[in-house]
Amino acid sequence: MFNSFNVTGSSLELLKIGEQGIIQFCNTQDENLLNQVISLGLTPGTYFTVEQQFPNVVINLRQGRVMISKEIARNIYVRIVNR
């Protein structure tokens, strides 16, 4: 018998518009990319909602909206929140 399952974690790049999550970590050794992520305020524990996925990813944070490249979104791993 098949049991359903839920995906609870993902790369930010794969989330759909309207999905919400909490940033867990950035999966890169590239210091420039890490500095960009930190300068945007995208640190572990940051709650967000996806507003746009193309051409760039736009997320809504408590302090405002942030636009990030697909490359950055691909390296940010999140916990998906169902609300």
N, C-alpha and C. Protein backbone atom coordinates (compact mmCIF):
# COMPACT_ATOMS: atom_id res chain seq x y z
N MET A 1 0.84 -1.18 0.00
CA MET A 1 0.00 0.00 0.00
C MET A 1 0.89 1.25 0.00
N PHE A 2 0.52 2.22 -0.78
CA PHE A 2 1.30 3.46 -0.90
C PHE A 2 0.85 4.46 0.15
N ASN A 3 1.81 5.01 0.86
CA ASN A 3 1.54 6.07 1.83
C ASN A 3 2.01 7.39 1.25
N SER A 4 1.21 8.43 1.43
CA SER A 4 1.62 9.74 0.92
C SER A 4 2.76 10.28 1.77
N PHE A 5 3.47 11.25 1.22
CA PHE A 5 4.57 11.86 1.94
C PHE A 5 4.60 13.35 1.63
N ASN A 6 5.28 14.09 2.47
CA ASN A 6 5.43 15.53 2.28
C ASN A 6 6.91 15.87 2.15
N VAL A 7 7.21 16.77 1.25
CA VAL A 7 8.57 17.29 1.14
C VAL A 7 8.67 18.45 2.11
N THR A 8 9.65 18.40 3.00
CA THR A 8 9.78 19.46 4.00
C THR A 8 10.98 20.36 3.76
N GLY A 9 11.88 19.97 2.86
CA GLY A 9 13.05 20.78 2.57
C GLY A 9 13.34 20.80 1.09
N SER A 10 13.98 21.88 0.64
CA SER A 10 14.23 22.04 -0.79
C SER A 10 15.20 23.19 -1.00
N SER A 11 15.73 23.26 -2.21
CA SER A 11 16.45 24.44 -2.64
C SER A 11 15.42 25.54 -2.86
N LEU A 12 15.75 26.76 -2.53
CA LEU A 12 14.84 27.89 -2.74
C LEU A 12 14.43 28.00 -4.21
N GLU A 13 15.31 27.63 -5.10
CA GLU A 13 15.04 27.71 -6.54
C GLU A 13 13.82 26.88 -6.94
N LEU A 14 13.52 25.81 -6.22
CA LEU A 14 12.45 24.89 -6.61
C LEU A 14 11.09 25.23 -6.02
N LEU A 15 11.02 26.20 -5.12
CA LEU A 15 9.73 26.55 -4.52
C LEU A 15 8.85 27.27 -5.52
N LYS A 16 7.55 27.14 -5.33
CA LYS A 16 6.57 27.78 -6.21
C LYS A 16 6.11 29.10 -5.60
N ILE A 17 5.55 29.94 -6.44
CA ILE A 17 5.00 31.22 -5.99
C ILE A 17 3.96 30.95 -4.91
N GLY A 18 4.06 31.71 -3.82
CA GLY A 18 3.13 31.56 -2.70
C GLY A 18 3.62 30.63 -1.60
N GLU A 19 4.62 29.80 -1.91
CA GLU A 19 5.13 28.91 -0.87
C GLU A 19 5.96 29.70 0.13
N GLN A 20 5.94 29.22 1.37
CA GLN A 20 6.64 29.88 2.45
C GLN A 20 7.70 28.96 3.01
N GLY A 21 8.74 29.55 3.56
CA GLY A 21 9.80 28.73 4.12
C GLY A 21 10.66 29.49 5.10
N ILE A 22 11.60 28.74 5.66
CA ILE A 22 12.58 29.29 6.58
C ILE A 22 13.96 28.86 6.08
N ILE A 23 14.85 29.81 5.92
CA ILE A 23 16.19 29.51 5.41
C ILE A 23 16.94 28.66 6.43
N GLN A 24 17.55 27.57 5.93
CA GLN A 24 18.31 26.65 6.78
C GLN A 24 19.82 26.85 6.63
N PHE A 25 20.30 26.86 5.38
CA PHE A 25 21.74 27.03 5.15
C PHE A 25 22.00 27.36 3.69
N CYS A 26 23.22 27.84 3.43
CA CYS A 26 23.67 28.12 2.06
C CYS A 26 24.74 27.10 1.71
N ASN A 27 24.52 26.36 0.64
CA ASN A 27 25.39 25.25 0.26
C ASN A 27 26.42 25.68 -0.79
N THR A 28 27.40 26.46 -0.36
CA THR A 28 28.45 26.89 -1.27
C THR A 28 29.73 27.18 -0.49
N GLN A 29 30.84 27.05 -1.16
CA GLN A 29 32.14 27.42 -0.59
C GLN A 29 32.64 28.74 -1.19
N ASP A 30 31.85 29.31 -2.11
CA ASP A 30 32.21 30.56 -2.78
C ASP A 30 31.99 31.74 -1.83
N GLU A 31 33.08 32.35 -1.38
CA GLU A 31 32.99 33.45 -0.42
C GLU A 31 32.20 34.63 -0.94
N ASN A 32 32.34 34.95 -2.23
CA ASN A 32 31.59 36.07 -2.81
C ASN A 32 30.09 35.81 -2.74
N LEU A 33 29.69 34.59 -3.07
CA LEU A 33 28.27 34.23 -3.02
C LEU A 33 27.77 34.28 -1.58
N LEU A 34 28.55 33.75 -0.65
CA LEU A 34 28.15 33.79 0.77
C LEU A 34 28.00 35.23 1.26
N ASN A 35 28.92 36.10 0.86
CA ASN A 35 28.83 37.51 1.26
C ASN A 35 27.59 38.18 0.68
N GLN A 36 27.23 37.84 -0.56
CA GLN A 36 26.00 38.38 -1.17
C GLN A 36 24.78 37.94 -0.37
N VAL A 37 24.74 36.66 -0.03
CA VAL A 37 23.60 36.11 0.72
C VAL A 37 23.47 36.82 2.07
N ILE A 38 24.58 36.96 2.77
CA ILE A 38 24.56 37.62 4.08
C ILE A 38 24.16 39.08 3.95
N SER A 39 24.69 39.78 2.94
CA SER A 39 24.37 41.21 2.76
C SER A 39 22.89 41.43 2.45
N LEU A 40 22.24 40.42 1.88
CA LEU A 40 20.80 40.52 1.59
C LEU A 40 19.95 40.19 2.81
N GLY A 41 20.59 39.78 3.90
CA GLY A 41 19.85 39.44 5.12
C GLY A 41 19.27 38.04 5.10
N LEU A 42 19.80 37.18 4.22
CA LEU A 42 19.28 35.82 4.08
C LEU A 42 20.09 34.87 4.95
N THR A 43 19.82 34.91 6.23
CA THR A 43 20.55 34.10 7.20
C THR A 43 19.66 32.98 7.73
N PRO A 44 20.25 31.92 8.28
CA PRO A 44 19.44 30.84 8.83
C PRO A 44 18.39 31.36 9.81
N GLY A 45 17.18 30.83 9.67
CA GLY A 45 16.07 31.26 10.51
C GLY A 45 15.19 32.33 9.89
N THR A 46 15.61 32.89 8.75
CA THR A 46 14.84 33.94 8.09
C THR A 46 13.60 33.35 7.43
N TYR A 47 12.44 33.89 7.78
CA TYR A 47 11.15 33.45 7.23
C TYR A 47 10.85 34.26 5.97
N PHE A 48 10.27 33.62 4.94
CA PHE A 48 9.99 34.30 3.68
C PHE A 48 8.80 33.67 2.96
N THR A 49 8.29 34.40 1.96
CA THR A 49 7.28 33.91 1.03
C THR A 49 7.78 34.19 -0.38
N VAL A 50 7.66 33.21 -1.28
CA VAL A 50 8.08 33.38 -2.67
C VAL A 50 7.02 34.18 -3.42
N GLU A 51 7.45 35.27 -4.08
CA GLU A 51 6.53 36.11 -4.84
C GLU A 51 6.71 35.97 -6.35
N GLN A 52 7.90 35.62 -6.79
CA GLN A 52 8.20 35.53 -8.23
C GLN A 52 9.31 34.52 -8.42
N GLN A 53 9.28 33.79 -9.56
CA GLN A 53 10.32 32.81 -9.84
C GLN A 53 11.06 33.07 -11.15
N PHE A 54 10.59 33.99 -11.98
CA PHE A 54 11.24 34.22 -13.27
C PHE A 54 11.17 35.69 -13.61
N PRO A 55 12.20 36.29 -14.15
CA PRO A 55 13.52 35.74 -14.46
C PRO A 55 14.40 35.56 -13.22
N ASN A 56 14.15 36.35 -12.19
CA ASN A 56 14.86 36.19 -10.92
C ASN A 56 13.86 35.80 -9.85
N VAL A 57 14.37 35.34 -8.74
CA VAL A 57 13.51 34.95 -7.62
C VAL A 57 13.29 36.19 -6.75
N VAL A 58 12.03 36.47 -6.43
CA VAL A 58 11.69 37.56 -5.52
C VAL A 58 11.02 36.93 -4.31
N ILE A 59 11.56 37.24 -3.13
CA ILE A 59 10.96 36.75 -1.90
C ILE A 59 10.58 37.92 -1.02
N ASN A 60 9.53 37.72 -0.25
CA ASN A 60 9.06 38.74 0.67
C ASN A 60 9.52 38.36 2.07
N LEU A 61 10.33 39.22 2.66
CA LEU A 61 10.79 39.04 4.03
C LEU A 61 9.98 39.97 4.92
N ARG A 62 10.12 39.85 6.20
CA ARG A 62 9.40 40.75 7.12
C ARG A 62 9.81 42.21 6.89
N GLN A 63 11.09 42.43 6.53
CA GLN A 63 11.57 43.80 6.35
C GLN A 63 11.46 44.30 4.91
N GLY A 64 10.88 43.51 4.02
CA GLY A 64 10.70 43.97 2.64
C GLY A 64 10.96 42.87 1.63
N ARG A 65 10.95 43.25 0.36
CA ARG A 65 11.16 42.30 -0.73
C ARG A 65 12.62 42.27 -1.14
N VAL A 66 13.07 41.07 -1.56
CA VAL A 66 14.45 40.89 -2.00
C VAL A 66 14.43 40.12 -3.32
N MET A 67 15.20 40.61 -4.30
CA MET A 67 15.34 39.91 -5.57
C MET A 67 16.71 39.24 -5.59
N ILE A 68 16.72 37.94 -5.92
CA ILE A 68 17.99 37.21 -5.97
C ILE A 68 18.08 36.43 -7.28
N SER A 69 19.29 36.16 -7.69
CA SER A 69 19.51 35.42 -8.93
C SER A 69 19.18 33.94 -8.72
N LYS A 70 18.96 33.24 -9.82
CA LYS A 70 18.72 31.80 -9.77
C LYS A 70 19.92 31.08 -9.16
N GLU A 71 21.14 31.57 -9.44
CA GLU A 71 22.34 30.94 -8.88
C GLU A 71 22.33 30.97 -7.36
N ILE A 72 21.99 32.12 -6.80
CA ILE A 72 21.92 32.23 -5.34
C ILE A 72 20.80 31.35 -4.81
N ALA A 73 19.62 31.41 -5.43
CA ALA A 73 18.47 30.61 -4.98
C ALA A 73 18.79 29.12 -5.02
N ARG A 74 19.56 28.69 -5.99
CA ARG A 74 19.93 27.27 -6.13
C ARG A 74 20.77 26.80 -4.94
N ASN A 75 21.52 27.69 -4.33
CA ASN A 75 22.41 27.33 -3.23
C ASN A 75 21.83 27.54 -1.84
N ILE A 76 20.63 28.10 -1.76
CA ILE A 76 19.99 28.32 -0.47
C ILE A 76 19.00 27.18 -0.22
N TYR A 77 19.19 26.49 0.89
CA TYR A 77 18.28 25.39 1.25
C TYR A 77 17.35 25.84 2.37
N VAL A 78 16.09 25.46 2.23
CA VAL A 78 15.05 25.96 3.11
C VAL A 78 14.19 24.82 3.65
N ARG A 79 13.53 25.12 4.76
CA ARG A 79 12.49 24.24 5.29
C ARG A 79 11.17 24.83 4.85
N ILE A 80 10.35 24.04 4.17
CA ILE A 80 9.06 24.51 3.67
C ILE A 80 8.08 24.55 4.83
N VAL A 81 7.33 25.66 4.91
CA VAL A 81 6.37 25.86 5.98
C VAL A 81 4.97 25.86 5.39
N ASN A 82 4.09 25.05 5.93
CA ASN A 82 2.68 25.05 5.50
C ASN A 82 1.88 25.85 6.49
N ARG A 83 1.28 26.94 6.01
CA ARG A 83 0.45 27.78 6.89
C ARG A 83 -0.90 27.97 6.28
